């Protein structure tokens, strides 16, 4: 059986390597080779086995020759799409590309990554249509144990689509609530002020 500690150690080693190498990475290809392929391997997939990892998979709805960087397969089914960018690129400008590929595949999960930040998407609102916001964002240079636990769910030995979708739903709501709270604390709305004033008086 796969050892949980191995996964954590692997991921932390990759994070350490990213910290050391990030300034030397010149291209998107180099980002894939140095940072992203090791994570796919840490998830237990054989990056050289076309039944598990398909590079440049066709995700073409528009006949433009659109290809996703990596598709992760399990039992002949696409389970995860990974769209890669250069490690210096901001991910916020690239979401639409992944959503296009998402619609062309039956995967329930998509990842947009620059090798440092990983944004995980699902189709919770509408089947086969990628949600606008990621349900999980992990920064490899600033990972909590909880982040590592969430990453581990994508490991070949643990992958359970229904379980991850449940978690995604929970994370989506807790993220929304955290955002609302932090906005409220930054500039409280009248409702919040009234609520606290009521408690005080």
Protein backbone atom coordinates (compact mmCIF):
# COMPACT_ATOMS: atom_id res chain seq x y z
CA UNK A 1 0.00 0.00 0.00
CA UNK A 2 1.16 3.50 -0.75
CA UNK A 3 2.63 5.32 2.22
CA UNK A 4 1.05 8.69 3.06
CA UNK A 5 4.35 10.05 4.33
CA UNK A 6 5.98 9.36 0.98
CA UNK A 7 3.52 11.70 -0.72
CA UNK A 8 4.09 14.50 1.77
CA UNK A 9 7.88 14.10 1.57
CA UNK A 10 7.76 14.06 -2.23
CA UNK A 11 5.66 17.20 -2.42
CA UNK A 12 7.85 19.04 0.09
CA UNK A 13 10.98 18.03 -1.85
CA UNK A 14 9.42 19.36 -5.07
CA UNK A 15 8.53 22.61 -3.27
CA UNK A 16 12.12 22.94 -2.09
CA UNK A 17 13.39 22.41 -5.63
CA UNK A 18 10.98 25.04 -6.99
CA UNK A 19 12.27 27.56 -4.45
CA UNK A 20 15.86 26.94 -5.62
CA UNK A 21 15.24 26.72 -9.36
CA UNK A 22 12.41 29.15 -10.13
CA UNK A 23 14.70 31.98 -11.27
CA UNK A 24 16.55 29.70 -13.70
CA UNK A 25 13.41 28.55 -15.55
CA UNK A 26 13.24 30.29 -18.92
CA UNK A 27 10.27 28.68 -20.70
CA UNK A 28 6.91 26.97 -20.28
CA UNK A 29 8.49 23.67 -21.40
CA UNK A 30 11.14 23.98 -18.69
CA UNK A 31 8.39 24.74 -16.14
CA UNK A 32 6.59 21.54 -17.15
CA UNK A 33 9.72 19.40 -16.96
CA UNK A 34 11.14 20.77 -13.71
CA UNK A 35 8.01 21.56 -11.69
CA UNK A 36 4.81 20.05 -13.08
CA UNK A 37 5.84 16.57 -14.25
CA UNK A 38 7.33 15.77 -10.82
CA UNK A 39 3.95 16.61 -9.21
CA UNK A 40 2.13 14.31 -11.66
CA UNK A 41 4.68 11.60 -10.79
CA UNK A 42 4.19 12.28 -7.05
CA UNK A 43 0.48 11.63 -7.64
CA UNK A 44 1.51 8.12 -8.64
CA UNK A 45 1.00 8.43 -12.40
CA UNK A 46 3.59 7.17 -14.85
CA UNK A 47 4.40 10.21 -16.98
CA UNK A 48 5.78 7.94 -19.71
CA UNK A 49 2.66 5.75 -19.90
CA UNK A 50 0.14 7.04 -22.50
CA UNK A 51 -2.66 5.13 -20.72
CA UNK A 52 -2.08 7.31 -17.64
CA UNK A 53 -0.70 10.64 -18.84
CA UNK A 54 -1.54 12.04 -22.26
CA UNK A 55 0.51 15.10 -23.22
CA UNK A 56 -1.05 17.52 -25.73
CA UNK A 57 -4.41 15.77 -25.74
CA UNK A 58 -6.86 16.97 -28.35
CA UNK A 59 -9.58 19.12 -26.73
CA UNK A 60 -10.93 20.62 -29.87
CA UNK A 61 -14.47 21.93 -30.20
CA UNK A 62 -13.65 24.67 -32.70
CA UNK A 63 -11.35 22.85 -35.16
CA UNK A 64 -8.50 25.15 -34.13
CA UNK A 65 -6.31 22.27 -33.04
CA UNK A 66 -6.71 23.06 -29.33
CA UNK A 67 -4.71 20.78 -27.07
CA UNK A 68 -4.52 20.52 -23.30
CA UNK A 69 -0.98 20.19 -21.88
CA UNK A 70 -1.73 17.02 -19.89
CA UNK A 71 -4.73 14.78 -19.45
CA UNK A 72 -4.58 12.31 -16.56
CA UNK A 73 -6.34 9.03 -17.30
CA UNK A 74 -7.68 6.33 -15.02
CA UNK A 75 -9.35 3.15 -16.30
CA UNK A 76 -9.55 4.63 -19.80
CA UNK A 77 -11.34 7.75 -18.58
CA UNK A 78 -10.02 11.33 -18.46
CA UNK A 79 -10.14 12.38 -14.80
CA UNK A 80 -8.03 15.54 -14.72
CA UNK A 81 -6.98 18.19 -17.23
CA UNK A 82 -3.82 20.19 -16.57
CA UNK A 83 -3.15 23.46 -18.37
CA UNK A 84 0.41 24.74 -17.83
CA UNK A 85 1.96 28.19 -18.00
CA UNK A 86 5.46 29.56 -17.48
CA UNK A 87 6.28 29.91 -13.79
CA UNK A 88 6.48 33.73 -14.03
CA UNK A 89 3.02 34.05 -15.55
CA UNK A 90 0.01 35.24 -13.58
CA UNK A 91 -2.75 32.65 -13.78
CA UNK A 92 -5.66 35.08 -13.52
CA UNK A 93 -5.46 35.84 -17.26
CA UNK A 94 -5.61 32.21 -18.41
CA UNK A 95 -8.80 30.70 -16.98
CA UNK A 96 -10.86 30.88 -20.19
CA UNK A 97 -8.49 28.60 -22.09
CA UNK A 98 -8.91 25.80 -19.56
CA UNK A 99 -12.70 26.22 -19.51
CA UNK A 100 -12.74 25.74 -23.30
CA UNK A 101 -10.86 22.43 -23.00
CA UNK A 102 -13.07 21.41 -20.12
CA UNK A 103 -16.20 21.60 -22.25
CA UNK A 104 -14.56 19.30 -24.82
CA UNK A 105 -13.74 16.57 -22.31
CA UNK A 106 -15.60 14.50 -19.73
CA UNK A 107 -13.18 15.27 -16.91
CA UNK A 108 -14.78 16.63 -13.76
CA UNK A 109 -11.59 18.39 -12.64
CA UNK A 110 -9.23 20.85 -14.23
CA UNK A 111 -6.00 22.40 -13.01
CA UNK A 112 -4.45 25.64 -14.16
CA UNK A 113 -0.86 25.91 -12.99
CA UNK A 114 2.39 27.77 -13.50
CA UNK A 115 4.19 25.08 -11.51
CA UNK A 116 4.10 27.23 -8.38
CA UNK A 117 0.42 27.97 -7.98
CA UNK A 118 -2.15 25.26 -8.65
CA UNK A 119 -5.78 26.26 -9.19
CA UNK A 120 -8.23 23.37 -9.05
CA UNK A 121 -11.60 23.67 -10.78
CA UNK A 122 -14.67 21.46 -10.89
CA UNK A 123 -18.07 21.67 -12.58
CA UNK A 124 -20.25 22.02 -9.48
CA UNK A 125 -22.65 24.61 -10.90
CA UNK A 126 -23.29 22.91 -14.23
CA UNK A 127 -22.08 19.54 -15.50
CA UNK A 128 -19.22 19.82 -18.04
CA UNK A 129 -19.06 23.60 -17.66
CA UNK A 130 -16.06 24.63 -15.58
CA UNK A 131 -16.91 26.74 -12.53
CA UNK A 132 -15.73 30.31 -12.74
CA UNK A 133 -13.77 30.13 -9.49
CA UNK A 134 -11.36 27.43 -8.35
CA UNK A 135 -12.45 25.38 -5.33
CA UNK A 136 -8.84 25.02 -4.22
CA UNK A 137 -5.72 27.11 -4.71
CA UNK A 138 -2.38 25.72 -3.54
CA UNK A 139 0.87 27.66 -3.59
CA UNK A 140 3.81 25.24 -3.60
CA UNK A 141 5.98 27.82 -1.85
CA UNK A 142 3.49 28.35 0.97
CA UNK A 143 1.74 25.06 1.72
CA UNK A 144 -0.17 24.09 4.82
CA UNK A 145 -0.69 20.47 5.91
CA UNK A 146 -4.33 20.91 4.86
CA UNK A 147 -3.17 21.85 1.33
CA UNK A 148 -1.02 18.72 1.14
CA UNK A 149 -4.01 16.63 2.29
CA UNK A 150 -6.14 18.12 -0.50
CA UNK A 151 -3.39 17.48 -3.09
CA UNK A 152 -3.16 13.88 -1.90
CA UNK A 153 -6.78 13.27 -2.90
CA UNK A 154 -5.65 13.40 -6.53
CA UNK A 155 -3.16 10.57 -5.95
CA UNK A 156 -3.84 7.51 -8.10
CA UNK A 157 -4.29 5.31 -5.01
CA UNK A 158 -6.82 7.60 -3.34
CA UNK A 159 -8.61 9.19 -6.27
CA UNK A 160 -12.36 9.14 -5.63
CA UNK A 161 -14.33 11.43 -7.91
CA UNK A 162 -17.45 11.64 -5.71
CA UNK A 163 -15.37 12.29 -2.59
CA UNK A 164 -13.41 15.10 -4.25
CA UNK A 165 -16.62 16.66 -5.60
CA UNK A 166 -18.06 16.69 -2.06
CA UNK A 167 -14.89 18.30 -0.75
CA UNK A 168 -14.94 20.79 -3.63
CA UNK A 169 -18.49 21.80 -2.71
CA UNK A 170 -17.48 22.31 0.95
CA UNK A 171 -14.30 24.21 0.06
CA UNK A 172 -16.21 26.40 -2.37
CA UNK A 173 -18.63 27.50 0.37
CA UNK A 174 -15.98 27.89 3.06
CA UNK A 175 -13.85 29.99 0.66
CA UNK A 176 -16.85 32.20 -0.13
CA UNK A 177 -17.59 32.62 3.59
CA UNK A 178 -13.94 33.49 4.34
CA UNK A 179 -13.99 36.09 1.54
CA UNK A 180 -17.19 37.64 2.86
CA UNK A 181 -15.76 37.75 6.38
CA UNK A 182 -12.46 39.28 5.36
CA UNK A 183 -14.31 41.91 3.28
CA UNK A 184 -16.62 42.63 6.21
CA UNK A 185 -13.69 43.05 8.58
CA UNK A 186 -11.88 45.28 6.10
CA UNK A 187 -14.92 47.54 5.68
CA UNK A 188 -17.92 46.49 7.80
CA UNK A 189 -21.37 46.76 6.22
CA UNK A 190 -24.22 48.51 8.07
CA UNK A 191 -25.83 45.12 8.74
CA UNK A 192 -22.73 43.85 10.53
CA UNK A 193 -22.36 47.05 12.53
CA UNK A 194 -26.05 46.83 13.55
CA UNK A 195 -25.63 43.17 14.50
CA UNK A 196 -22.71 43.93 16.84
CA UNK A 197 -24.32 47.09 18.18
CA UNK A 198 -27.40 44.99 19.13
CA UNK A 199 -25.18 42.54 21.04
CA UNK A 200 -23.50 45.39 22.90
CA UNK A 201 -26.62 47.34 23.86
